Amino acid sequence: MVLACRLGAIGEAELPCYKALCIRLQEAIKDRRELSDGYIFRLNSDLMSLVDAAQWISLERLCCPFLKFQLQAIGSDRDYWLTLQGPPGAKTIVREAFHPTR
């Protein structure tokens, strides 16, 4: 499998929404945990709703079809978890995209 983002996969009409969701997702990350094949992120629901995270996934998977996405909400916990996993090499892409200092 080729690990390359398809930069033109998100249409021009959707691009402003996608960029705004990316910024909000970065801001919502409260915690990150390393997995053998990716990362899991704890997201603050006050900064990004589950619906918005699902919308981000629906766009992100167009340009990064090699990633596996999972959203998990646990009971009454307001925060939720976003897991990004993939084949060898995908972990590096996720790490660079979601670097803690961004």
C-alpha atoms as a PDB file:
ATOM      1  CA  MET A   1       0.000   0.000   0.000  1.00  0.00           C
ATOM      2  CA  VAL A   2       1.270   3.447  -0.909  1.00  0.00           C
ATOM      3  CA  LEU A   3       1.461   5.892   1.977  1.00  0.00           C
ATOM      4  CA  ALA A   4       0.836   9.166   0.222  1.00  0.00           C
ATOM      5  CA  CYS A   5      -1.738  11.801   0.960  1.00  0.00           C
ATOM      6  CA  ARG A   6      -3.992  12.608  -1.972  1.00  0.00           C
ATOM      7  CA  LEU A   7      -3.831  16.390  -1.654  1.00  0.00           C
ATOM      8  CA  GLY A   8      -6.504  17.135  -4.267  1.00  0.00           C
ATOM      9  CA  ALA A   9      -9.025  14.656  -2.866  1.00  0.00           C
ATOM     10  CA  ILE A  10     -10.856  17.293  -0.815  1.00  0.00           C
ATOM     11  CA  GLY A  11     -12.802  19.619  -3.077  1.00  0.00           C
ATOM     12  CA  GLU A  12     -12.333  23.382  -3.049  1.00  0.00           C
ATOM     13  CA  ALA A  13     -15.818  23.885  -1.624  1.00  0.00           C
ATOM     14  CA  GLU A  14     -15.010  21.645   1.368  1.00  0.00           C
ATOM     15  CA  LEU A  15     -11.461  22.886   1.924  1.00  0.00           C
ATOM     16  CA  PRO A  16     -12.271  25.854   4.250  1.00  0.00           C
ATOM     17  CA  CYS A  17     -14.384  23.583   6.471  1.00  0.00           C
ATOM     18  CA  TYR A  18     -11.662  20.923   6.470  1.00  0.00           C
ATOM     19  CA  LYS A  19      -8.958  23.426   7.445  1.00  0.00           C
ATOM     20  CA  ALA A  20     -11.116  24.827  10.273  1.00  0.00           C
ATOM     21  CA  LEU A  21     -11.816  21.308  11.554  1.00  0.00           C
ATOM     22  CA  CYS A  22      -8.081  20.491  11.485  1.00  0.00           C
ATOM     23  CA  ILE A  23      -7.313  23.517  13.649  1.00  0.00           C
ATOM     24  CA  ARG A  24     -10.089  22.671  16.102  1.00  0.00           C
ATOM     25  CA  LEU A  25      -8.973  19.051  16.291  1.00  0.00           C
ATOM     26  CA  GLN A  26      -5.414  20.097  17.143  1.00  0.00           C
ATOM     27  CA  GLU A  27      -6.742  22.418  19.859  1.00  0.00           C
ATOM     28  CA  ALA A  28      -9.024  19.714  21.294  1.00  0.00           C
ATOM     29  CA  ILE A  29      -6.232  17.199  21.934  1.00  0.00           C
ATOM     30  CA  LYS A  30      -5.843  16.771  25.698  1.00  0.00           C
ATOM     31  CA  ASP A  31      -3.739  13.631  25.701  1.00  0.00           C
ATOM     32  CA  ARG A  32      -2.012  11.365  23.196  1.00  0.00           C
ATOM     33  CA  ARG A  33      -0.928   7.775  23.556  1.00  0.00           C
ATOM     34  CA  GLU A  34       1.384   5.912  21.278  1.00  0.00           C
ATOM     35  CA  LEU A  35       0.275   2.588  19.803  1.00  0.00           C
ATOM     36  CA  SER A  36       2.397   0.124  17.870  1.00  0.00           C
ATOM     37  CA  ASP A  37       0.771   1.227  14.604  1.00  0.00           C
ATOM     38  CA  GLY A  38      -0.499   4.731  15.353  1.00  0.00           C
ATOM     39  CA  TYR A  39      -1.829   6.994  18.074  1.00  0.00           C
ATOM     40  CA  ILE A  40      -4.892   7.501  20.208  1.00  0.00           C
ATOM     41  CA  PHE A  41      -5.907  11.036  21.152  1.00  0.00           C
ATOM     42  CA  ARG A  42      -8.164  12.157  23.975  1.00  0.00           C
ATOM     43  CA  LEU A  43     -10.306  15.032  22.704  1.00  0.00           C
ATOM     44  CA  ASN A  44     -12.007  17.762  24.701  1.00  0.00           C
ATOM     45  CA  SER A  45     -15.673  17.757  23.664  1.00  0.00           C
ATOM     46  CA  ASP A  46     -16.005  21.409  24.697  1.00  0.00           C
ATOM     47  CA  LEU A  47     -13.600  22.297  21.889  1.00  0.00           C
ATOM     48  CA  MET A  48     -14.756  19.760  19.280  1.00  0.00           C
ATOM     49  CA  SER A  49     -17.942  17.736  19.264  1.00  0.00           C
ATOM     50  CA  LEU A  50     -18.180  14.097  18.255  1.00  0.00           C
ATOM     51  CA  VAL A  51     -20.187  15.190  15.205  1.00  0.00           C
ATOM     52  CA  ASP A  52     -17.423  17.582  14.142  1.00  0.00           C
ATOM     53  CA  ALA A  53     -14.784  14.893  14.678  1.00  0.00           C
ATOM     54  CA  ALA A  54     -16.819  12.535  12.498  1.00  0.00           C
ATOM     55  CA  GLN A  55     -17.022  15.240   9.836  1.00  0.00           C
ATOM     56  CA  TRP A  56     -13.232  15.652  10.015  1.00  0.00           C
ATOM     57  CA  ILE A  57     -12.841  11.881   9.565  1.00  0.00           C
ATOM     58  CA  SER A  58     -15.164  11.897   6.549  1.00  0.00           C
ATOM     59  CA  LEU A  59     -12.893  14.461   4.866  1.00  0.00           C
ATOM     60  CA  GLU A  60      -9.522  13.200   6.110  1.00  0.00           C
ATOM     61  CA  ARG A  61     -10.137   9.693   4.842  1.00  0.00           C
ATOM     62  CA  LEU A  62     -10.460  11.099   1.319  1.00  0.00           C
ATOM     63  CA  CYS A  63      -6.857  12.301   1.341  1.00  0.00           C
ATOM     64  CA  CYS A  64      -5.405   9.611   3.646  1.00  0.00           C
ATOM     65  CA  PRO A  65      -7.147   6.360   2.628  1.00  0.00           C
ATOM     66  CA  PHE A  66      -4.369   4.295   4.246  1.00  0.00           C
ATOM     67  CA  LEU A  67      -5.462   5.319   7.761  1.00  0.00           C
ATOM     68  CA  LYS A  68      -7.915   3.488   9.982  1.00  0.00           C
ATOM     69  CA  PHE A  69     -10.083   5.876  12.029  1.00  0.00           C
ATOM     70  CA  GLN A  70     -12.016   5.109  15.198  1.00  0.00           C
ATOM     71  CA  LEU A  71     -14.034   7.349  17.521  1.00  0.00           C
ATOM     72  CA  GLN A  72     -14.858   6.059  20.984  1.00  0.00           C
ATOM     73  CA  ALA A  73     -17.104   7.602  23.618  1.00  0.00           C
ATOM     74  CA  ILE A  74     -17.117   5.935  27.021  1.00  0.00           C
ATOM     75  CA  GLY A  75     -20.190   6.205  29.222  1.00  0.00           C
ATOM     76  CA  SER A  76     -20.826   9.662  30.567  1.00  0.00           C
ATOM     77  CA  ASP A  77     -17.228  10.866  30.101  1.00  0.00           C
ATOM     78  CA  ARG A  78     -17.480  14.186  28.250  1.00  0.00           C
ATOM     79  CA  ASP A  79     -14.177  13.621  26.465  1.00  0.00           C
ATOM     80  CA  TYR A  80     -13.827  11.001  23.769  1.00  0.00           C
ATOM     81  CA  TRP A  81     -11.031   9.192  21.943  1.00  0.00           C
ATOM     82  CA  LEU A  82      -9.851   9.338  18.340  1.00  0.00           C
ATOM     83  CA  THR A  83      -7.635   6.489  17.180  1.00  0.00           C
ATOM     84  CA  LEU A  84      -5.555   6.747  14.007  1.00  0.00           C
ATOM     85  CA  GLN A  85      -3.761   3.595  12.871  1.00  0.00           C
ATOM     86  CA  GLY A  86      -2.311   2.275   9.676  1.00  0.00           C
ATOM     87  CA  PRO A  87       0.263   0.153   7.923  1.00  0.00           C
ATOM     88  CA  PRO A  88       4.002   0.551   8.538  1.00  0.00           C
ATOM     89  CA  GLY A  89       4.983   4.169   7.983  1.00  0.00           C
ATOM     90  CA  ALA A  90       1.555   5.610   8.795  1.00  0.00           C
ATOM     91  CA  LYS A  91       2.526   6.205  12.412  1.00  0.00           C
ATOM     92  CA  THR A  92       5.229   8.652  11.308  1.00  0.00           C
ATOM     93  CA  ILE A  93       2.725  10.576   9.187  1.00  0.00           C
ATOM     94  CA  VAL A  94       0.290  10.828  12.110  1.00  0.00           C
ATOM     95  CA  ARG A  95       3.067  11.861  14.501  1.00  0.00           C
ATOM     96  CA  GLU A  96       4.165  14.660  12.159  1.00  0.00           C
ATOM     97  CA  ALA A  97       0.592  15.863  11.561  1.00  0.00           C
ATOM     98  CA  PHE A  98      -0.292  15.854  15.263  1.00  0.00           C
ATOM     99  CA  HIS A  99       2.982  16.989  16.772  1.00  0.00           C
ATOM    100  CA  PRO A 100       2.446  18.195  20.364  1.00  0.00           C
ATOM    101  CA  THR A 101       3.872  21.646  19.664  1.00  0.00           C
ATOM    102  CA  ARG A 102       1.453  22.409  16.844  1.00  0.00           C
END
